[in-house]
Protein backbone atom coordinates (compact mmCIF):
# COMPACT_ATOMS: atom_id res chain seq x y z
CA MET A 1 24.87 -20.63 -13.81
CA LYS A 2 24.14 -21.63 -10.25
CA ILE A 3 22.46 -20.00 -7.26
CA GLU A 4 22.17 -21.35 -3.70
CA ILE A 5 19.29 -20.06 -1.58
CA PRO A 6 19.55 -20.78 2.15
CA PHE A 7 16.37 -21.53 4.12
CA LYS A 8 15.31 -22.91 7.52
CA GLY A 9 13.22 -25.88 8.56
CA HIS A 10 9.85 -25.48 10.32
CA LYS A 11 7.74 -27.75 12.54
CA ASN A 12 4.70 -27.39 10.23
CA ILE A 13 6.40 -28.60 7.05
CA LEU A 14 4.27 -31.44 5.70
CA SER A 15 5.51 -31.75 2.11
CA LEU A 16 2.31 -33.45 0.90
CA HIS A 17 1.37 -31.42 -2.18
CA LYS A 18 1.11 -33.46 -5.37
CA LYS A 19 1.80 -30.63 -7.85
CA THR A 20 4.16 -28.05 -6.30
CA ILE A 21 7.21 -27.37 -4.12
CA GLU A 22 7.73 -24.00 -2.46
CA ILE A 23 10.23 -22.09 -0.34
CA THR A 24 9.25 -18.82 1.27
CA LYS A 25 10.82 -15.84 3.03
CA ASP A 26 8.06 -16.10 5.64
CA ASP A 27 9.07 -17.32 9.08
CA LYS A 28 5.55 -18.48 9.96
CA LEU A 29 3.91 -21.52 8.39
CA THR A 30 0.50 -23.11 8.93
CA VAL A 31 -0.31 -26.72 8.04
CA ASN A 32 -2.26 -25.36 5.02
CA GLY A 33 1.07 -24.65 3.30
CA ASP A 34 1.56 -28.32 2.49
CA CYS A 35 3.85 -27.66 -0.51
CA ILE A 36 6.36 -25.57 1.48
CA VAL A 37 9.68 -27.25 2.26
CA GLY A 38 11.60 -24.26 3.64
CA THR A 39 10.98 -20.97 5.45
CA ASN A 40 13.09 -17.87 6.10
CA SER A 41 14.63 -18.15 2.65
CA SER A 42 17.11 -15.46 1.68
CA LEU A 43 15.68 -14.92 -1.84
CA ALA A 44 12.38 -14.98 -3.72
CA CYS A 45 11.68 -14.83 -7.47
CA ALA A 46 12.02 -11.04 -7.59
CA ASP A 47 15.48 -11.18 -5.97
CA LEU A 48 17.10 -13.35 -8.64
CA PRO A 49 19.75 -11.69 -10.81
CA GLU A 50 18.41 -10.36 -14.14
CA LYS A 51 20.73 -12.59 -16.16
CA PHE A 52 19.37 -15.63 -14.32
CA LYS A 53 15.75 -14.50 -14.86
CA LYS A 54 16.33 -14.12 -18.61
CA LYS A 55 17.52 -17.73 -18.81
CA ILE A 56 14.53 -18.99 -16.78
CA GLN A 57 12.16 -17.08 -19.08
CA ASN A 58 13.41 -19.05 -22.09
CA PRO A 59 11.10 -22.02 -22.90
CA THR A 60 14.06 -24.16 -24.03
CA THR A 61 15.87 -23.79 -20.69
CA GLU A 62 16.12 -26.89 -18.52
CA ILE A 63 16.53 -26.16 -14.82
CA LYS A 64 17.88 -28.51 -12.16
CA PHE A 65 16.89 -27.91 -8.56
CA SER A 66 18.37 -29.59 -5.50
CA ILE A 67 16.95 -29.32 -2.00
CA VAL A 68 19.75 -29.99 0.46
CA ALA A 69 19.46 -30.44 4.23
CA ASP A 70 22.48 -31.93 6.02
CA GLU A 71 23.10 -35.38 4.53
CA HIS A 72 19.81 -35.33 2.57
CA SER A 73 19.49 -34.19 -1.03
CA PHE A 74 16.51 -34.23 -3.40
CA SER A 75 16.65 -33.29 -7.09
CA ILE A 76 13.92 -31.90 -9.34
CA ARG A 77 14.05 -31.04 -13.03
CA GLY A 78 11.85 -28.42 -14.62
CA LYS A 79 11.47 -26.14 -17.63
CA GLY A 80 11.64 -22.42 -18.15
CA SER A 81 8.87 -20.43 -19.85
CA ASN A 82 8.43 -17.05 -21.45
CA LYS A 83 5.24 -16.74 -19.33
CA LEU A 84 7.23 -16.57 -16.08
CA THR A 85 7.25 -13.04 -14.64
CA LEU A 86 9.44 -13.89 -11.59
CA LYS A 87 8.12 -10.84 -9.73
CA HIS A 88 6.99 -12.34 -6.41
CA THR A 89 8.86 -10.77 -3.50
CA ASN A 90 8.30 -13.60 -1.01
CA ASP A 91 8.12 -17.05 -2.62
CA ILE A 92 9.61 -19.47 -5.15
CA VAL A 93 7.33 -22.22 -6.52
CA LEU A 94 8.20 -25.19 -8.72
CA ARG A 95 5.20 -26.71 -10.55
CA LYS A 96 4.45 -30.04 -12.19
CA SER A 97 1.82 -28.29 -14.30
CA ALA A 98 2.23 -25.51 -16.88
CA PHE A 99 0.43 -22.98 -14.64
CA THR A 100 2.35 -19.74 -14.15
CA CYS A 101 2.05 -16.82 -11.75
CA SER A 102 4.49 -14.33 -10.19
CA ARG A 103 5.72 -17.04 -7.75
CA THR A 104 6.48 -19.70 -10.39
CA ILE A 105 10.15 -20.36 -11.21
CA ALA A 106 9.71 -23.56 -13.27
CA ILE A 107 6.93 -25.53 -14.95
CA ASN A 108 6.51 -29.16 -16.03
CA CYS A 109 8.70 -30.34 -13.15
CA ASP A 110 9.25 -34.07 -12.73
CA LYS A 111 8.55 -34.09 -8.97
CA ALA A 112 6.45 -32.36 -6.30
CA SER A 113 6.74 -32.02 -2.53
CA ASP A 114 4.95 -35.33 -1.90
CA ASP A 115 7.86 -37.10 -3.67
CA ILE A 116 10.41 -35.99 -1.07
CA PRO A 117 11.46 -38.96 1.10
CA ARG A 118 9.79 -38.89 4.52
CA ASN A 119 13.11 -39.10 6.40
CA MET A 120 14.16 -35.88 4.65
CA VAL A 121 10.79 -34.25 5.47
CA LYS A 122 11.41 -35.14 9.12
CA LYS A 123 14.73 -33.26 8.91
CA LEU A 124 12.98 -30.26 7.27
CA GLN A 125 10.47 -30.21 10.15
CA ASP A 126 13.25 -29.33 12.58
CA PRO A 127 13.42 -25.52 13.03
CA LYS A 128 17.17 -25.89 13.68
CA THR A 129 17.72 -27.36 10.20
CA SER A 130 19.53 -25.11 7.74
CA GLY A 131 18.84 -26.15 4.17
CA LYS A 132 19.34 -24.69 0.74
CA LEU A 133 17.67 -24.69 -2.64
CA VAL A 134 20.30 -25.00 -5.35
CA ILE A 135 19.23 -23.82 -8.81
CA GLU A 136 21.39 -24.77 -11.80
CA ILE A 137 20.96 -23.66 -15.40
CA LYS A 138 23.28 -24.75 -18.21
């Protein structure tokens, strides 16, 4: 199973957070949102197909994420959990920790936003950049 979620770049993307990565439907972003790597996304947790949600809510599920912006690509691996509600209507958050909330789509991820190469962050800081979050589940 695979889903591609388009998003836009934003001048305030910092990508400095050590524990999370987030995309949001919001079009505004302050520098406090230092885990956000994309704005104006087309989907949030609540918008995912039910079949996809069921897979994500299985603790044995391994999830591969790719953030793609032009020639740049960054991969993250995470785990599903039966504690994931996937009900947030605005955001998708990947976490290195096992913390869950309505915005969390994966836990125990191997990377966070501060791991994204700085040349890719520079691309994501351009409001004209169209990127996508690709989510793959086997």
